[in-house]
């Protein structure tokens, strides 16, 4: 088990307000959770899709994401919204959510979803692949 995974598990056992317990466990409460324990070589897809959404309307909006295999993919705002919604869906079984999150970091799986022009088709594809 990697040290980041151990830290993450320990951190999950504590209330975020319990700084003393976190310090005692060797975790700096000021540390950001960003990229910790994810095991991705690129930023998490959820975060990259957020940048696409946040930058819309800017003179130079972000329109691409990069998968862990280094490939850049063009993403529309509608696609980014739908993928983020699916990545953060409440009530999804943890193992399915984890697999989907990992799959979205890989070109082959992400490409399947980005091929769908209608975001509703993305939801149908999700149901076929993961449910």
N, C-alpha and C. Protein backbone atom coordinates (compact mmCIF):
# COMPACT_ATOMS: atom_id res chain seq x y z
N UNK A 1 0.85 -1.17 0.00
CA UNK A 1 0.00 0.00 0.00
C UNK A 1 0.90 1.24 0.00
N UNK A 2 0.55 2.20 -0.82
CA UNK A 2 1.33 3.43 -0.93
C UNK A 2 1.08 4.33 0.26
N UNK A 3 2.07 5.15 0.61
CA UNK A 3 1.97 6.05 1.74
C UNK A 3 0.80 7.03 1.58
N UNK A 4 0.55 7.50 0.36
CA UNK A 4 -0.56 8.42 0.15
C UNK A 4 -1.90 7.75 0.42
N UNK A 5 -2.00 6.46 0.09
CA UNK A 5 -3.23 5.73 0.37
C UNK A 5 -3.44 5.58 1.87
N UNK A 6 -2.36 5.29 2.59
CA UNK A 6 -2.44 5.16 4.04
C UNK A 6 -2.84 6.50 4.66
N UNK A 7 -2.20 7.58 4.22
CA UNK A 7 -2.55 8.90 4.75
C UNK A 7 -4.00 9.23 4.47
N UNK A 8 -4.46 8.90 3.27
CA UNK A 8 -5.84 9.20 2.92
C UNK A 8 -6.80 8.42 3.81
N UNK A 9 -6.51 7.14 4.05
CA UNK A 9 -7.39 6.33 4.90
C UNK A 9 -7.40 6.88 6.33
N UNK A 10 -6.23 7.25 6.83
CA UNK A 10 -6.17 7.81 8.18
C UNK A 10 -6.95 9.11 8.21
N UNK A 11 -6.75 9.95 7.22
CA UNK A 11 -7.41 11.25 7.18
C UNK A 11 -8.92 11.09 7.14
N UNK A 12 -9.43 10.08 6.42
CA UNK A 12 -10.86 9.86 6.32
C UNK A 12 -11.46 9.47 7.66
N UNK A 13 -10.65 8.87 8.55
CA UNK A 13 -11.14 8.46 9.86
C UNK A 13 -11.31 9.63 10.83
N UNK A 14 -10.73 10.76 10.51
CA UNK A 14 -10.79 11.92 11.39
C UNK A 14 -11.72 12.98 10.84
N UNK A 15 -12.31 13.71 11.76
CA UNK A 15 -13.08 14.89 11.40
C UNK A 15 -12.08 15.94 10.93
N UNK A 16 -12.39 16.63 9.85
CA UNK A 16 -11.47 17.64 9.32
C UNK A 16 -11.13 18.71 10.35
N UNK A 17 -11.99 18.91 11.33
CA UNK A 17 -11.74 19.91 12.36
C UNK A 17 -10.81 19.39 13.46
N UNK A 18 -10.54 18.12 13.46
CA UNK A 18 -9.72 17.53 14.51
C UNK A 18 -8.24 17.61 14.12
N UNK A 19 -7.71 18.83 14.11
CA UNK A 19 -6.34 19.07 13.65
C UNK A 19 -5.30 18.35 14.50
N UNK A 20 -5.52 18.29 15.78
CA UNK A 20 -4.53 17.65 16.65
C UNK A 20 -4.40 16.16 16.33
N UNK A 21 -5.50 15.50 16.11
CA UNK A 21 -5.47 14.07 15.76
C UNK A 21 -4.78 13.87 14.41
N UNK A 22 -5.04 14.78 13.49
CA UNK A 22 -4.41 14.67 12.18
C UNK A 22 -2.90 14.86 12.29
N UNK A 23 -2.50 15.84 13.07
CA UNK A 23 -1.06 16.07 13.26
C UNK A 23 -0.42 14.87 13.92
N UNK A 24 -1.11 14.27 14.88
CA UNK A 24 -0.60 13.09 15.56
C UNK A 24 -0.44 11.91 14.62
N UNK A 25 -1.24 11.90 13.56
CA UNK A 25 -1.16 10.81 12.58
C UNK A 25 -0.16 11.13 11.47
N UNK A 26 0.52 12.28 11.61
CA UNK A 26 1.53 12.64 10.62
C UNK A 26 0.97 13.31 9.38
N UNK A 27 -0.23 13.88 9.49
CA UNK A 27 -0.86 14.55 8.36
C UNK A 27 -0.94 16.03 8.66
N UNK A 28 -0.45 16.84 7.76
CA UNK A 28 -0.53 18.28 7.92
C UNK A 28 -1.93 18.73 7.50
N UNK A 29 -2.73 19.28 8.42
CA UNK A 29 -4.08 19.69 8.07
C UNK A 29 -4.13 20.76 6.99
N UNK A 30 -3.04 21.47 6.78
CA UNK A 30 -3.01 22.51 5.76
C UNK A 30 -2.78 21.94 4.37
N UNK A 31 -2.40 20.66 4.30
CA UNK A 31 -2.17 20.06 2.99
C UNK A 31 -3.45 20.02 2.19
N UNK A 32 -3.32 20.25 0.90
CA UNK A 32 -4.46 20.16 0.00
C UNK A 32 -4.74 18.71 -0.31
N UNK A 33 -6.01 18.38 -0.52
CA UNK A 33 -6.38 17.02 -0.93
C UNK A 33 -6.11 16.78 -2.40
N UNK A 34 -5.76 17.83 -3.15
CA UNK A 34 -5.61 17.73 -4.60
C UNK A 34 -4.59 16.69 -4.99
N UNK A 35 -4.98 15.78 -5.83
CA UNK A 35 -4.16 14.71 -6.40
C UNK A 35 -3.66 13.71 -5.37
N UNK A 36 -4.03 13.85 -4.10
CA UNK A 36 -3.52 12.94 -3.08
C UNK A 36 -4.25 11.61 -3.16
N UNK A 37 -3.49 10.53 -3.34
CA UNK A 37 -4.07 9.20 -3.33
C UNK A 37 -4.82 8.82 -4.59
N UNK A 38 -4.87 9.67 -5.57
CA UNK A 38 -5.63 9.34 -6.77
C UNK A 38 -4.88 8.37 -7.67
N UNK A 39 -3.56 8.50 -7.72
CA UNK A 39 -2.78 7.62 -8.55
C UNK A 39 -2.85 7.94 -10.02
N UNK A 40 -3.26 9.15 -10.38
CA UNK A 40 -3.33 9.56 -11.77
C UNK A 40 -2.06 10.29 -12.16
N UNK A 41 -1.65 10.14 -13.42
CA UNK A 41 -0.47 10.87 -13.88
C UNK A 41 -0.85 12.28 -14.35
N UNK A 42 -2.10 12.50 -14.67
CA UNK A 42 -2.61 13.83 -15.03
C UNK A 42 -3.58 14.27 -13.93
N UNK A 43 -3.97 15.53 -13.98
CA UNK A 43 -4.98 16.00 -13.03
C UNK A 43 -6.24 15.15 -13.17
N UNK A 44 -6.96 15.01 -12.08
CA UNK A 44 -8.20 14.23 -12.11
C UNK A 44 -9.14 14.81 -13.17
N UNK A 45 -9.82 13.94 -13.89
CA UNK A 45 -10.71 14.37 -14.95
C UNK A 45 -11.80 15.29 -14.42
N UNK A 46 -12.28 15.04 -13.23
CA UNK A 46 -13.30 15.90 -12.63
C UNK A 46 -12.80 17.34 -12.57
N UNK A 47 -11.54 17.53 -12.15
CA UNK A 47 -10.96 18.87 -12.06
C UNK A 47 -10.75 19.48 -13.44
N UNK A 48 -10.27 18.68 -14.39
CA UNK A 48 -10.05 19.20 -15.74
C UNK A 48 -11.37 19.64 -16.38
N UNK A 49 -12.42 18.86 -16.18
CA UNK A 49 -13.72 19.22 -16.72
C UNK A 49 -14.25 20.48 -16.05
N UNK A 50 -13.93 20.66 -14.78
CA UNK A 50 -14.30 21.88 -14.07
C UNK A 50 -13.65 23.10 -14.68
N UNK A 51 -12.42 22.96 -15.12
CA UNK A 51 -11.73 24.09 -15.78
C UNK A 51 -12.40 24.44 -17.11
N UNK A 52 -12.87 23.42 -17.82
CA UNK A 52 -13.61 23.68 -19.07
C UNK A 52 -14.85 24.50 -18.75
N UNK A 53 -15.58 24.11 -17.72
CA UNK A 53 -16.81 24.81 -17.35
C UNK A 53 -16.52 26.22 -16.81
N UNK A 54 -15.51 26.32 -15.96
CA UNK A 54 -15.19 27.61 -15.35
C UNK A 54 -14.68 28.63 -16.36
N UNK A 55 -14.07 28.17 -17.43
CA UNK A 55 -13.44 29.09 -18.38
C UNK A 55 -14.37 29.50 -19.53
N UNK A 56 -15.55 28.91 -19.59
CA UNK A 56 -16.46 29.29 -20.68
C UNK A 56 -16.76 30.79 -20.56
N UNK A 57 -16.82 31.42 -21.68
CA UNK A 57 -17.04 32.87 -21.70
C UNK A 57 -15.76 33.67 -21.63
N UNK A 58 -14.65 33.03 -21.30
CA UNK A 58 -13.35 33.72 -21.30
C UNK A 58 -12.89 33.92 -22.74
N UNK A 59 -12.00 34.88 -22.97
CA UNK A 59 -11.48 35.07 -24.33
C UNK A 59 -10.79 33.82 -24.88
N UNK A 60 -10.12 33.06 -24.02
CA UNK A 60 -9.44 31.82 -24.43
C UNK A 60 -9.90 30.68 -23.51
N UNK A 61 -11.11 30.16 -23.72
CA UNK A 61 -11.61 29.12 -22.82
C UNK A 61 -10.85 27.80 -22.98
N UNK A 62 -10.81 27.04 -21.91
CA UNK A 62 -10.22 25.69 -21.95
C UNK A 62 -11.23 24.80 -22.65
N UNK A 63 -10.78 24.10 -23.68
CA UNK A 63 -11.69 23.25 -24.46
C UNK A 63 -11.18 21.82 -24.57
N UNK A 64 -10.09 21.50 -23.88
CA UNK A 64 -9.52 20.15 -23.96
C UNK A 64 -9.17 19.62 -22.57
N UNK A 65 -9.10 18.30 -22.49
CA UNK A 65 -8.63 17.61 -21.29
C UNK A 65 -7.54 16.65 -21.73
N UNK A 66 -6.69 16.24 -20.80
CA UNK A 66 -5.59 15.33 -21.10
C UNK A 66 -5.75 14.08 -20.24
N UNK A 67 -5.74 12.93 -20.89
CA UNK A 67 -5.86 11.65 -20.19
C UNK A 67 -4.49 11.20 -19.68
N UNK A 68 -4.50 10.20 -18.83
CA UNK A 68 -3.25 9.70 -18.25
C UNK A 68 -2.29 9.15 -19.28
N UNK A 69 -2.80 8.75 -20.45
CA UNK A 69 -1.90 8.26 -21.50
C UNK A 69 -1.37 9.42 -22.35
N UNK A 70 -1.61 10.66 -21.92
CA UNK A 70 -1.03 11.83 -22.57
C UNK A 70 -1.78 12.37 -23.77
N UNK A 71 -2.93 11.81 -24.06
CA UNK A 71 -3.69 12.27 -25.23
C UNK A 71 -4.63 13.40 -24.84
N UNK A 72 -4.71 14.39 -25.72
CA UNK A 72 -5.56 15.55 -25.50
C UNK A 72 -6.89 15.34 -26.24
N UNK A 73 -7.99 15.64 -25.55
CA UNK A 73 -9.33 15.43 -26.11
C UNK A 73 -10.14 16.71 -26.04
N UNK A 74 -10.78 17.05 -27.14
CA UNK A 74 -11.66 18.21 -27.19
C UNK A 74 -12.96 17.87 -26.48
N UNK A 75 -13.43 18.81 -25.64
CA UNK A 75 -14.63 18.60 -24.84
C UNK A 75 -15.52 19.82 -24.95
N UNK A 76 -16.81 19.60 -25.22
CA UNK A 76 -17.75 20.72 -25.24
C UNK A 76 -18.23 20.99 -23.81
N UNK A 77 -18.82 22.15 -23.61
CA UNK A 77 -19.34 22.50 -22.29
C UNK A 77 -20.42 21.49 -21.88
N UNK A 78 -21.31 21.12 -22.80
CA UNK A 78 -22.38 20.17 -22.48
C UNK A 78 -21.79 18.81 -22.08
N UNK A 79 -20.76 18.37 -22.79
CA UNK A 79 -20.12 17.10 -22.44
C UNK A 79 -19.46 17.19 -21.07
N UNK A 80 -18.78 18.30 -20.80
CA UNK A 80 -18.12 18.49 -19.51
C UNK A 80 -19.15 18.47 -18.38
N UNK A 81 -20.28 19.13 -18.58
CA UNK A 81 -21.33 19.13 -17.55
C UNK A 81 -21.84 17.73 -17.28
N UNK A 82 -22.12 16.98 -18.33
CA UNK A 82 -22.66 15.64 -18.17
C UNK A 82 -21.65 14.71 -17.50
N UNK A 83 -20.39 14.74 -17.94
CA UNK A 83 -19.38 13.88 -17.35
C UNK A 83 -19.16 14.21 -15.88
N UNK A 84 -19.11 15.50 -15.54
CA UNK A 84 -18.95 15.88 -14.13
C UNK A 84 -20.14 15.42 -13.31
N UNK A 85 -21.32 15.52 -13.87
CA UNK A 85 -22.50 15.07 -13.15
C UNK A 85 -22.40 13.56 -12.88
N UNK A 86 -21.96 12.81 -13.88
CA UNK A 86 -21.84 11.36 -13.70
C UNK A 86 -20.71 11.02 -12.72
N UNK A 87 -19.61 11.78 -12.77
CA UNK A 87 -18.49 11.52 -11.87
C UNK A 87 -18.82 11.83 -10.41
N UNK A 88 -19.80 12.69 -10.20
CA UNK A 88 -20.12 13.09 -8.83
C UNK A 88 -21.52 12.63 -8.41
N UNK A 89 -22.10 11.69 -9.13
CA UNK A 89 -23.46 11.24 -8.85
C UNK A 89 -23.58 10.64 -7.45
N UNK A 90 -24.60 11.05 -6.74
CA UNK A 90 -24.90 10.51 -5.41
C UNK A 90 -25.57 9.15 -5.56
N UNK A 91 -25.35 8.29 -4.60
CA UNK A 91 -26.05 7.02 -4.58
C UNK A 91 -25.45 5.93 -5.44
N UNK A 92 -24.38 6.24 -6.16
CA UNK A 92 -23.73 5.24 -6.99
C UNK A 92 -22.89 4.33 -6.09
N UNK A 93 -22.88 3.04 -6.39
CA UNK A 93 -22.06 2.12 -5.61
C UNK A 93 -20.60 2.56 -5.70
N UNK A 94 -19.88 2.54 -4.59
CA UNK A 94 -18.49 3.02 -4.58
C UNK A 94 -17.59 2.33 -5.60
N UNK A 95 -17.75 1.02 -5.78
CA UNK A 95 -16.89 0.31 -6.73
C UNK A 95 -17.16 0.75 -8.17
N UNK A 96 -18.42 1.05 -8.49
CA UNK A 96 -18.77 1.51 -9.84
C UNK A 96 -18.23 2.92 -10.04
N UNK A 97 -18.40 3.76 -9.03
CA UNK A 97 -17.91 5.14 -9.11
C UNK A 97 -16.39 5.17 -9.28
N UNK A 98 -15.70 4.31 -8.53
CA UNK A 98 -14.24 4.26 -8.62
C UNK A 98 -13.81 3.79 -10.01
N UNK A 99 -14.46 2.76 -10.53
CA UNK A 99 -14.10 2.25 -11.85
C UNK A 99 -14.35 3.30 -12.93
N UNK A 100 -15.49 3.98 -12.86
CA UNK A 100 -15.81 5.02 -13.83
C UNK A 100 -14.78 6.15 -13.75
N UNK A 101 -14.43 6.55 -12.55
CA UNK A 101 -13.44 7.62 -12.36
C UNK A 101 -12.11 7.23 -12.98
N UNK A 102 -11.67 6.00 -12.73
CA UNK A 102 -10.41 5.51 -13.31
C UNK A 102 -10.51 5.42 -14.83
N UNK A 103 -11.64 4.94 -15.33
CA UNK A 103 -11.82 4.80 -16.77
C UNK A 103 -11.78 6.14 -17.48
N UNK A 104 -12.31 7.18 -16.87
CA UNK A 104 -12.33 8.50 -17.51
C UNK A 104 -10.94 9.11 -17.64
N UNK A 105 -9.96 8.54 -16.95
CA UNK A 105 -8.57 9.00 -17.06
C UNK A 105 -7.88 8.38 -18.27
N UNK A 106 -8.52 7.43 -18.94
CA UNK A 106 -7.93 6.72 -20.07
C UNK A 106 -8.64 7.10 -21.37
N UNK A 107 -7.85 7.32 -22.41
CA UNK A 107 -8.38 7.76 -23.70
C UNK A 107 -9.46 6.85 -24.26
N UNK A 108 -9.22 5.55 -24.21
CA UNK A 108 -10.17 4.61 -24.83
C UNK A 108 -11.57 4.76 -24.24
N UNK A 109 -11.64 4.89 -22.92
CA UNK A 109 -12.94 4.99 -22.26
C UNK A 109 -13.53 6.39 -22.41
N UNK A 110 -12.72 7.41 -22.22
CA UNK A 110 -13.21 8.78 -22.35
C UNK A 110 -13.71 9.03 -23.77
N UNK A 111 -12.96 8.53 -24.74
CA UNK A 111 -13.31 8.71 -26.15
C UNK A 111 -14.71 8.16 -26.45
N UNK A 112 -15.05 7.01 -25.83
CA UNK A 112 -16.39 6.43 -26.03
C UNK A 112 -17.48 7.43 -25.65
N UNK A 113 -17.27 8.14 -24.56
CA UNK A 113 -18.27 9.11 -24.10
C UNK A 113 -18.24 10.39 -24.93
N UNK A 114 -17.06 10.83 -25.32
CA UNK A 114 -16.96 12.06 -26.09
C UNK A 114 -17.46 11.89 -27.52
N UNK A 115 -17.56 10.66 -28.00
CA UNK A 115 -18.13 10.41 -29.32
C UNK A 115 -19.62 10.71 -29.36
N UNK A 116 -20.24 10.74 -28.20
CA UNK A 116 -21.68 11.02 -28.11
C UNK A 116 -21.90 12.53 -28.23
N UNK A 117 -22.64 12.93 -29.24
CA UNK A 117 -22.91 14.35 -29.43
C UNK A 117 -23.99 14.86 -28.48
N UNK A 118 -24.94 14.01 -28.16
CA UNK A 118 -26.02 14.38 -27.25
C UNK A 118 -25.65 13.87 -25.85
N UNK A 119 -25.58 14.76 -24.88
CA UNK A 119 -25.24 14.33 -23.52
C UNK A 119 -26.16 13.24 -22.97
N UNK A 120 -27.40 13.18 -23.42
CA UNK A 120 -28.30 12.12 -22.96
C UNK A 120 -27.81 10.75 -23.42
N UNK A 121 -27.16 10.72 -24.58
CA UNK A 121 -26.59 9.46 -25.07
C UNK A 121 -25.45 9.02 -24.16
N UNK A 122 -24.74 9.98 -23.56
CA UNK A 122 -23.66 9.65 -22.64
C UNK A 122 -24.22 8.91 -21.42
N UNK A 123 -25.37 9.36 -20.94
CA UNK A 123 -25.99 8.70 -19.80
C UNK A 123 -26.41 7.28 -20.16
N UNK A 124 -26.90 7.09 -21.36
CA UNK A 124 -27.29 5.75 -21.83
C UNK A 124 -26.07 4.85 -21.91
N UNK A 125 -24.97 5.39 -22.44
CA UNK A 125 -23.74 4.61 -22.53
C UNK A 125 -23.24 4.23 -21.13
N UNK A 126 -23.32 5.17 -20.21
CA UNK A 126 -22.91 4.89 -18.83
C UNK A 126 -23.72 3.72 -18.27
N UNK A 127 -25.01 3.74 -18.49
CA UNK A 127 -25.88 2.68 -17.98
C UNK A 127 -25.49 1.33 -18.59
N UNK A 128 -25.20 1.32 -19.89
CA UNK A 128 -24.82 0.07 -20.56
C UNK A 128 -23.50 -0.48 -20.02
N UNK A 129 -22.53 0.42 -19.80
CA UNK A 129 -21.19 -0.03 -19.41
C UNK A 129 -21.04 -0.35 -17.93
N UNK A 130 -21.76 0.37 -17.07
CA UNK A 130 -21.49 0.26 -15.64
C UNK A 130 -22.63 -0.27 -14.79
N UNK A 131 -23.81 -0.39 -15.35
CA UNK A 131 -24.95 -0.86 -14.52
C UNK A 131 -25.39 -2.23 -14.93
